[in-house]
Amino acid sequence: MKKPAYSVAVVGATGLVGAEIIAVLEQRQLPLANLQLYASLRSAGDEVRCGGVSARIELLDGARFEDTDIVFLAAGEQVSAEWVARASDAGGVVIDTSQLFAGDVDVPLVVPEVNAASLADYGQRNLVASPDPVAVAMSIVLKPLQATRPLKRIVASAFDPVSGAGRAGIDELQRQTVDLMNGRSVEPALFPHRIAFNLVPQVGALLEGGASHDEQQTMQALRRVLDLPELEISVTRVRAPLFYGAAIAVNVELLDPLTAAEARDLLRAAPGILLHDDMTTASYPTPMDAVGQDAICIGRVRADEAVNLLDLWIVFDNVRKGAATNAVQIAELLIRDYL
């Protein structure tokens, strides 16, 4: 028998993603029996209200997950590595927003609009992983194209805001902007180069061969979510001086021709996508347009039918749909179909 409400825990409740998960739980009205919130000493003791339930933020060291149905891990890979076994062994389903398990074939890597059926395997370890934000957005856009035309090769340049590095990233951009506007020199601390009024073509540690860790992660996640293990993908991720809102310029090579008009029709009808594409009025989305939205916004759709190429411009809220909403949607599917 289905429960009328569920016990939910959020680890990293005061971080950017954790706080957004709480907001999305409230907005999407996930039925809560009780809510456990865990964070650092700095915010412990604060009271939060969500879905008619009040919860006090507790220290993670004292976390107990017995009788908890769903545990959101939203505090990064180090915390996930330490706590995932304790949470899943207690019987609840863990939804991890770090990328610790993105390459683990025993852990479903899920974007609900794309591969919801993969959730059937969650019981192997009581664990589901949510992909990185760029992989979430790209998979939602590529899925309706894949359904009608086989994909041959993907080349993408992603522009990541500083919020992808957490509150420390936001603080660094704020500090550097103020310093530069006041004629002071700046020294990078979190990012390898100055981020204010600049672009840094590196997200994640650089690996042998030149790609970054996060680029490899995105490519790996895309292949898993789309179930295309041999898909040719090249991704460059660039840190941009934006607080929130990410963008991706994508070039898709297809095996069969697809006109721009046909692509627009496919994208317009697909779940999770909002199309802004009218060149007569310069209607296309920018990162600021996507902030606060759950939709992946698309514009600048154009095709070269002679070589089966399609170009797209994608923007989305990296913290919201790229992480928090995707995780809550996974919880909704678990409740609907499995719990």
Protein backbone atom coordinates (compact mmCIF):
# COMPACT_ATOMS: atom_id res chain seq x y z
CA MET A 1 0.00 0.00 0.00
CA LYS A 2 1.26 3.44 -0.91
CA LYS A 3 2.20 5.78 1.90
CA PRO A 4 0.27 9.04 2.16
CA ALA A 5 3.51 10.90 2.89
CA TYR A 6 7.24 10.21 2.98
CA SER A 7 10.15 10.84 5.31
CA VAL A 8 12.83 12.83 3.47
CA ALA A 9 16.35 13.89 4.43
CA VAL A 10 18.55 16.50 2.72
CA VAL A 11 22.29 16.38 3.34
CA GLY A 12 23.89 19.72 2.47
CA ALA A 13 20.64 21.55 3.16
CA THR A 14 22.16 25.03 3.18
CA GLY A 15 24.34 24.68 0.09
CA LEU A 16 23.15 26.01 -3.26
CA VAL A 17 21.75 22.69 -4.46
CA GLY A 18 20.45 21.54 -1.08
CA ALA A 19 18.58 24.78 -0.46
CA GLU A 20 17.11 24.58 -3.97
CA ILE A 21 16.00 20.99 -3.37
CA ILE A 22 14.03 22.18 -0.35
CA ALA A 23 12.44 24.95 -2.44
CA VAL A 24 11.53 22.50 -5.21
CA LEU A 25 10.06 20.02 -2.70
CA GLU A 26 7.81 22.84 -1.49
CA GLN A 27 6.83 24.04 -4.95
CA ARG A 28 6.15 20.58 -6.40
CA GLN A 29 4.31 19.55 -3.21
CA LEU A 30 6.03 16.24 -2.64
CA PRO A 31 4.07 14.67 0.25
CA LEU A 32 6.25 14.98 3.35
CA ALA A 33 5.65 13.11 6.59
CA ASN A 34 8.80 14.63 8.10
CA LEU A 35 11.94 16.36 6.94
CA GLN A 36 15.50 15.94 8.21
CA LEU A 37 18.02 18.61 7.27
CA TYR A 38 21.77 18.27 7.74
CA ALA A 39 24.49 20.84 7.18
CA SER A 40 27.62 22.37 8.70
CA LEU A 41 28.08 23.94 12.11
CA ARG A 42 27.63 27.43 10.64
CA SER A 43 23.94 26.90 9.88
CA ALA A 44 22.98 24.25 12.44
CA GLY A 45 20.00 25.22 14.56
CA ASP A 46 18.20 27.24 11.90
CA GLU A 47 14.52 26.39 11.39
CA VAL A 48 13.15 25.63 7.93
CA ARG A 49 9.55 25.07 6.88
CA CYS A 50 8.70 23.01 3.79
CA GLY A 51 5.45 21.41 2.66
CA GLY A 52 3.72 22.08 5.95
CA VAL A 53 6.56 20.43 7.90
CA SER A 54 9.07 22.26 10.11
CA ALA A 55 12.63 21.02 10.48
CA ARG A 56 15.67 22.21 12.38
CA ILE A 57 19.02 22.01 10.58
CA GLU A 58 21.20 19.48 12.40
CA LEU A 59 24.88 18.64 12.26
CA LEU A 60 25.61 15.86 9.79
CA ASP A 61 27.78 14.04 12.33
CA GLY A 62 24.64 13.12 14.21
CA ALA A 63 22.60 11.99 11.19
CA ARG A 64 20.37 8.95 11.58
CA PHE A 65 18.55 7.65 8.52
CA GLU A 66 16.46 4.86 10.03
CA ASP A 67 12.82 5.08 8.82
CA THR A 68 13.84 7.62 6.16
CA ASP A 69 12.35 6.89 2.74
CA ILE A 70 14.45 9.22 0.56
CA VAL A 71 17.83 10.82 1.24
CA PHE A 72 19.12 13.60 -1.01
CA LEU A 73 22.90 13.93 -0.95
CA ALA A 74 23.74 17.47 -2.08
CA ALA A 75 27.08 18.21 -0.46
CA GLY A 76 29.69 17.06 -2.99
CA GLU A 77 31.65 13.91 -3.68
CA GLN A 78 33.60 13.81 -0.42
CA VAL A 79 30.44 13.84 1.71
CA SER A 80 28.71 11.37 -0.62
CA ALA A 81 31.63 8.94 -0.33
CA GLU A 82 31.42 9.08 3.46
CA TRP A 83 27.66 8.92 3.90
CA VAL A 84 26.08 7.05 0.99
CA ALA A 85 26.53 3.58 2.48
CA ARG A 86 25.19 4.64 5.87
CA ALA A 87 22.13 6.19 4.28
CA SER A 88 21.35 3.37 1.85
CA ASP A 89 22.03 0.63 4.43
CA ALA A 90 19.39 2.22 6.66
CA GLY A 91 16.77 1.29 4.03
CA GLY A 92 16.01 4.57 2.32
CA VAL A 93 16.71 5.35 -1.33
CA VAL A 94 19.62 7.73 -1.82
CA ILE A 95 19.54 10.31 -4.63
CA ASP A 96 23.07 11.64 -5.11
CA THR A 97 23.65 14.95 -6.91
CA SER A 98 27.44 14.69 -6.79
CA GLN A 99 29.17 12.90 -9.64
CA LEU A 100 30.75 10.22 -7.49
CA PHE A 101 28.71 7.42 -9.08
CA ALA A 102 28.29 8.81 -12.60
CA GLY A 103 30.49 6.07 -14.04
CA ASP A 104 29.25 3.21 -11.85
CA VAL A 105 27.15 0.89 -14.04
CA ASP A 106 25.48 -0.60 -10.94
CA VAL A 107 23.98 2.80 -10.08
CA PRO A 108 21.19 4.19 -12.32
CA LEU A 109 22.11 7.58 -13.77
CA VAL A 110 18.76 9.19 -14.45
CA VAL A 111 17.22 12.15 -16.25
CA PRO A 112 13.45 11.55 -15.90
CA GLU A 113 12.54 12.99 -19.31
CA VAL A 114 15.08 10.71 -20.99
CA ASN A 115 15.62 7.35 -19.26
CA ALA A 116 13.10 6.98 -16.44
CA ALA A 117 12.99 3.20 -17.01
CA SER A 118 16.57 2.96 -15.65
CA LEU A 119 15.16 3.57 -12.17
CA ALA A 120 14.01 -0.06 -12.11
CA ASP A 121 17.58 -0.98 -11.10
CA TYR A 122 17.75 1.34 -8.08
CA GLY A 123 17.31 -1.55 -5.65
CA GLN A 124 20.73 -3.04 -6.32
CA ARG A 125 22.27 -0.47 -3.99
CA ASN A 126 19.28 1.67 -2.95
CA LEU A 127 20.99 4.44 -4.88
CA VAL A 128 20.25 6.70 -7.87
CA ALA A 129 22.65 9.27 -9.35
CA SER A 130 21.68 12.56 -10.97
CA PRO A 131 24.06 13.57 -13.82
CA ASP A 132 26.03 16.78 -13.96
CA PRO A 133 23.99 19.81 -15.12
CA VAL A 134 25.46 19.97 -18.64
CA ALA A 135 24.68 16.29 -19.23
CA VAL A 136 21.15 16.78 -17.88
CA ALA A 137 20.43 19.63 -20.30
CA MET A 138 22.07 18.05 -23.34
CA SER A 139 20.38 14.67 -22.86
CA ILE A 140 16.93 16.28 -22.68
CA VAL A 141 17.61 18.11 -25.96
CA LEU A 142 19.25 15.20 -27.78
CA LYS A 143 16.66 12.58 -26.82
CA PRO A 144 13.85 13.74 -29.18
CA LEU A 145 16.36 14.00 -32.04
CA GLN A 146 17.75 10.55 -31.26
CA ALA A 147 14.23 9.11 -31.34
CA THR A 148 13.85 9.92 -35.06
CA ARG A 149 17.41 10.27 -36.43
CA PRO A 150 20.44 8.28 -35.26
CA LEU A 151 23.10 10.49 -33.71
CA LYS A 152 26.59 10.28 -35.21
CA ARG A 153 28.67 12.91 -33.42
CA ILE A 154 28.20 15.70 -30.88
CA VAL A 155 30.46 18.73 -30.48
CA ALA A 156 29.55 21.14 -27.68
CA SER A 157 30.93 24.18 -25.89
CA ALA A 158 29.36 24.70 -22.46
CA PHE A 159 29.53 27.96 -20.50
CA ASP A 160 29.33 27.22 -16.78
CA PRO A 161 28.43 29.94 -14.24
CA VAL A 162 30.43 30.34 -11.05
CA SER A 163 27.57 28.86 -8.99
CA GLY A 164 28.67 25.51 -10.40
CA ALA A 165 31.53 25.81 -7.91
CA GLY A 166 29.17 26.55 -5.02
CA ARG A 167 28.98 29.60 -2.81
CA ALA A 168 32.76 29.95 -2.98
CA GLY A 169 32.48 30.54 -6.73
CA ILE A 170 29.88 33.25 -6.24
CA ASP A 171 32.03 34.90 -3.57
CA GLU A 172 35.07 34.92 -5.85
CA LEU A 173 33.24 36.58 -8.75
CA GLN A 174 31.71 39.17 -6.40
CA ARG A 175 35.04 39.97 -4.77
CA GLN A 176 36.96 40.25 -8.02
CA THR A 177 34.29 42.42 -9.65
CA VAL A 178 34.30 44.86 -6.73
CA ASP A 179 38.10 44.97 -6.68
CA LEU A 180 38.38 45.63 -10.41
CA MET A 181 35.67 48.29 -10.38
CA ASN A 182 37.61 50.04 -7.62
CA GLY A 183 40.92 49.91 -9.44
CA ARG A 184 42.42 47.15 -7.32
CA SER A 185 44.33 44.20 -8.71
CA VAL A 186 42.94 40.70 -8.15
CA GLU A 187 44.49 37.34 -7.51
CA PRO A 188 42.52 34.18 -8.35
CA ALA A 189 41.88 31.88 -5.43
CA LEU A 190 39.28 29.29 -6.42
CA PHE A 191 39.60 29.38 -10.21
CA PRO A 192 42.94 29.03 -12.07
CA HIS A 193 42.60 32.50 -13.63
CA ARG A 194 40.69 35.69 -12.94
CA ILE A 195 36.98 35.06 -13.57
CA ALA A 196 35.60 38.62 -13.40
CA PHE A 197 35.15 40.04 -16.95
CA ASN A 198 36.87 36.95 -18.31
CA LEU A 199 36.35 33.43 -19.61
CA VAL A 200 38.33 30.49 -18.21
CA PRO A 201 38.41 27.44 -20.51
CA GLN A 202 38.70 24.94 -17.68
CA VAL A 203 36.04 23.35 -15.50
CA GLY A 204 37.56 20.59 -13.37
CA ALA A 205 41.12 19.36 -13.12
CA LEU A 206 43.00 18.92 -16.39
CA LEU A 207 43.77 15.30 -17.27
CA GLU A 208 46.45 13.67 -19.39
CA GLY A 209 45.54 14.32 -23.00
CA GLY A 210 44.14 17.79 -22.32
CA ALA A 211 40.49 17.21 -21.43
CA SER A 212 39.25 18.21 -18.00
CA HIS A 213 37.74 15.87 -15.43
CA ASP A 214 34.34 17.54 -15.77
CA GLU A 215 34.41 17.34 -19.58
CA GLN A 216 35.13 13.61 -19.42
CA GLN A 217 32.39 13.25 -16.83
CA THR A 218 29.84 14.99 -19.06
CA MET A 219 30.70 12.85 -22.07
CA GLN A 220 30.53 9.66 -20.03
CA ALA A 221 27.19 10.65 -18.50
CA LEU A 222 25.67 11.52 -21.89
CA ARG A 223 26.57 8.13 -23.31
CA ARG A 224 25.03 6.40 -20.30
CA VAL A 225 21.81 8.41 -20.16
CA LEU A 226 21.20 8.16 -23.91
CA ASP A 227 22.28 4.49 -23.90
CA LEU A 228 24.73 5.18 -26.74
CA PRO A 229 28.07 3.85 -25.43
CA GLU A 230 29.86 4.38 -28.77
CA LEU A 231 28.58 7.90 -29.45
CA GLU A 232 31.35 10.29 -30.57
CA ILE A 233 31.29 13.32 -28.27
CA SER A 234 33.58 16.31 -27.81
CA VAL A 235 32.75 18.76 -25.01
CA THR A 236 34.61 21.91 -23.96
CA ARG A 237 33.47 23.44 -20.67
CA VAL A 238 34.24 27.10 -20.02
CA ARG A 239 33.78 28.97 -16.73
CA ALA A 240 31.91 32.21 -17.47
CA PRO A 241 31.48 35.33 -15.29
CA LEU A 242 27.79 34.59 -14.59
CA PHE A 243 26.36 33.86 -11.17
CA TYR A 244 23.57 31.55 -12.37
CA GLY A 245 22.35 30.23 -15.71
CA ALA A 246 24.39 28.07 -18.07
CA ALA A 247 24.61 27.96 -21.87
CA ILE A 248 25.67 25.34 -24.41
CA ALA A 249 26.38 25.74 -28.12
CA VAL A 250 25.84 22.29 -29.65
CA ASN A 251 26.63 20.91 -33.08
CA VAL A 252 24.87 17.61 -33.80
CA GLU A 253 25.86 15.38 -36.70
CA LEU A 254 23.08 12.99 -37.69
CA LEU A 255 23.13 9.91 -39.89
CA ASP A 256 20.02 11.07 -41.78
CA PRO A 257 18.91 14.54 -42.95
CA LEU A 258 16.81 16.73 -40.67
CA THR A 259 15.59 20.20 -41.58
CA ALA A 260 15.58 23.04 -39.08
CA ALA A 261 11.77 23.14 -39.25
CA GLU A 262 11.54 19.42 -38.47
CA ALA A 263 13.98 19.85 -35.58
CA ARG A 264 11.91 22.69 -34.15
CA ASP A 265 8.77 20.56 -34.29
CA LEU A 266 10.49 17.68 -32.50
CA LEU A 267 11.93 19.94 -29.81
CA ARG A 268 8.71 21.89 -29.33
CA ALA A 269 6.80 18.67 -28.60
CA ALA A 270 9.42 17.17 -26.27
CA PRO A 271 9.00 17.19 -22.46
CA GLY A 272 11.10 19.63 -20.48
CA ILE A 273 11.92 21.92 -23.41
CA LEU A 274 10.87 25.49 -24.15
CA LEU A 275 11.60 26.72 -27.68
CA HIS A 276 12.41 30.40 -28.31
CA ASP A 277 13.36 30.53 -31.96
CA ASP A 278 12.14 33.38 -34.15
CA MET A 279 14.94 35.08 -36.04
CA THR A 280 12.65 37.84 -37.35
CA THR A 281 12.35 39.22 -33.82
CA ALA A 282 15.74 38.06 -32.45
CA SER A 283 13.85 35.66 -30.21
CA TYR A 284 16.32 33.31 -28.57
CA PRO A 285 17.01 32.59 -24.90
CA THR A 286 19.91 33.90 -22.85
CA PRO A 287 21.15 32.44 -19.55
CA MET A 288 19.32 35.07 -17.49
CA ASP A 289 16.03 34.00 -19.12
CA ALA A 290 16.45 30.46 -17.78
CA VAL A 291 17.18 31.33 -14.15
CA GLY A 292 14.38 30.06 -11.92
CA GLN A 293 12.92 27.86 -14.66
CA ASP A 294 12.68 24.10 -14.83
CA ALA A 295 12.60 24.10 -18.65
CA ILE A 296 15.60 23.70 -20.91
CA CYS A 297 15.37 26.67 -23.29
CA ILE A 298 16.46 26.38 -26.92
CA GLY A 299 17.01 28.85 -29.75
CA ARG A 300 19.17 29.50 -32.85
CA VAL A 301 18.10 26.19 -34.42
CA ARG A 302 19.68 25.87 -37.85
CA ALA A 303 20.61 23.01 -40.14
CA ASP A 304 23.03 22.19 -42.92
CA GLU A 305 21.12 19.43 -44.66
CA ALA A 306 23.93 18.73 -47.13
CA VAL A 307 26.06 17.22 -44.36
CA ASN A 308 23.30 16.36 -41.85
CA LEU A 309 24.41 18.93 -39.29
CA LEU A 310 22.20 20.70 -36.77
CA ASP A 311 23.25 23.64 -34.59
CA LEU A 312 21.46 24.54 -31.34
CA TRP A 313 21.78 27.10 -28.56
CA ILE A 314 20.73 25.81 -25.14
CA VAL A 315 20.33 27.68 -21.84
CA PHE A 316 19.18 26.39 -18.45
CA ASP A 317 19.34 27.00 -14.72
CA ASN A 318 22.30 24.91 -13.59
CA VAL A 319 21.31 24.79 -9.90
CA ARG A 320 17.60 24.27 -10.44
CA LYS A 321 16.89 21.90 -13.37
CA GLY A 322 20.54 20.98 -13.70
CA ALA A 323 20.60 19.57 -10.17
CA ALA A 324 17.75 20.18 -7.70
CA THR A 325 14.68 19.70 -9.87
CA ASN A 326 16.17 16.68 -11.61
CA ALA A 327 16.77 15.08 -8.20
CA VAL A 328 13.23 15.83 -6.99
CA GLN A 329 11.76 14.50 -10.23
CA ILE A 330 13.67 11.26 -9.59
CA ALA A 331 12.08 11.13 -6.13
CA GLU A 332 8.63 11.67 -7.64
CA LEU A 333 9.13 8.75 -10.03
CA LEU A 334 10.37 6.53 -7.20
CA ILE A 335 7.27 7.36 -5.18
CA ARG A 336 4.96 6.86 -8.14
CA ASP A 337 6.37 3.56 -9.37
CA TYR A 338 8.44 1.87 -6.66
CA LEU A 339 7.98 3.08 -3.09
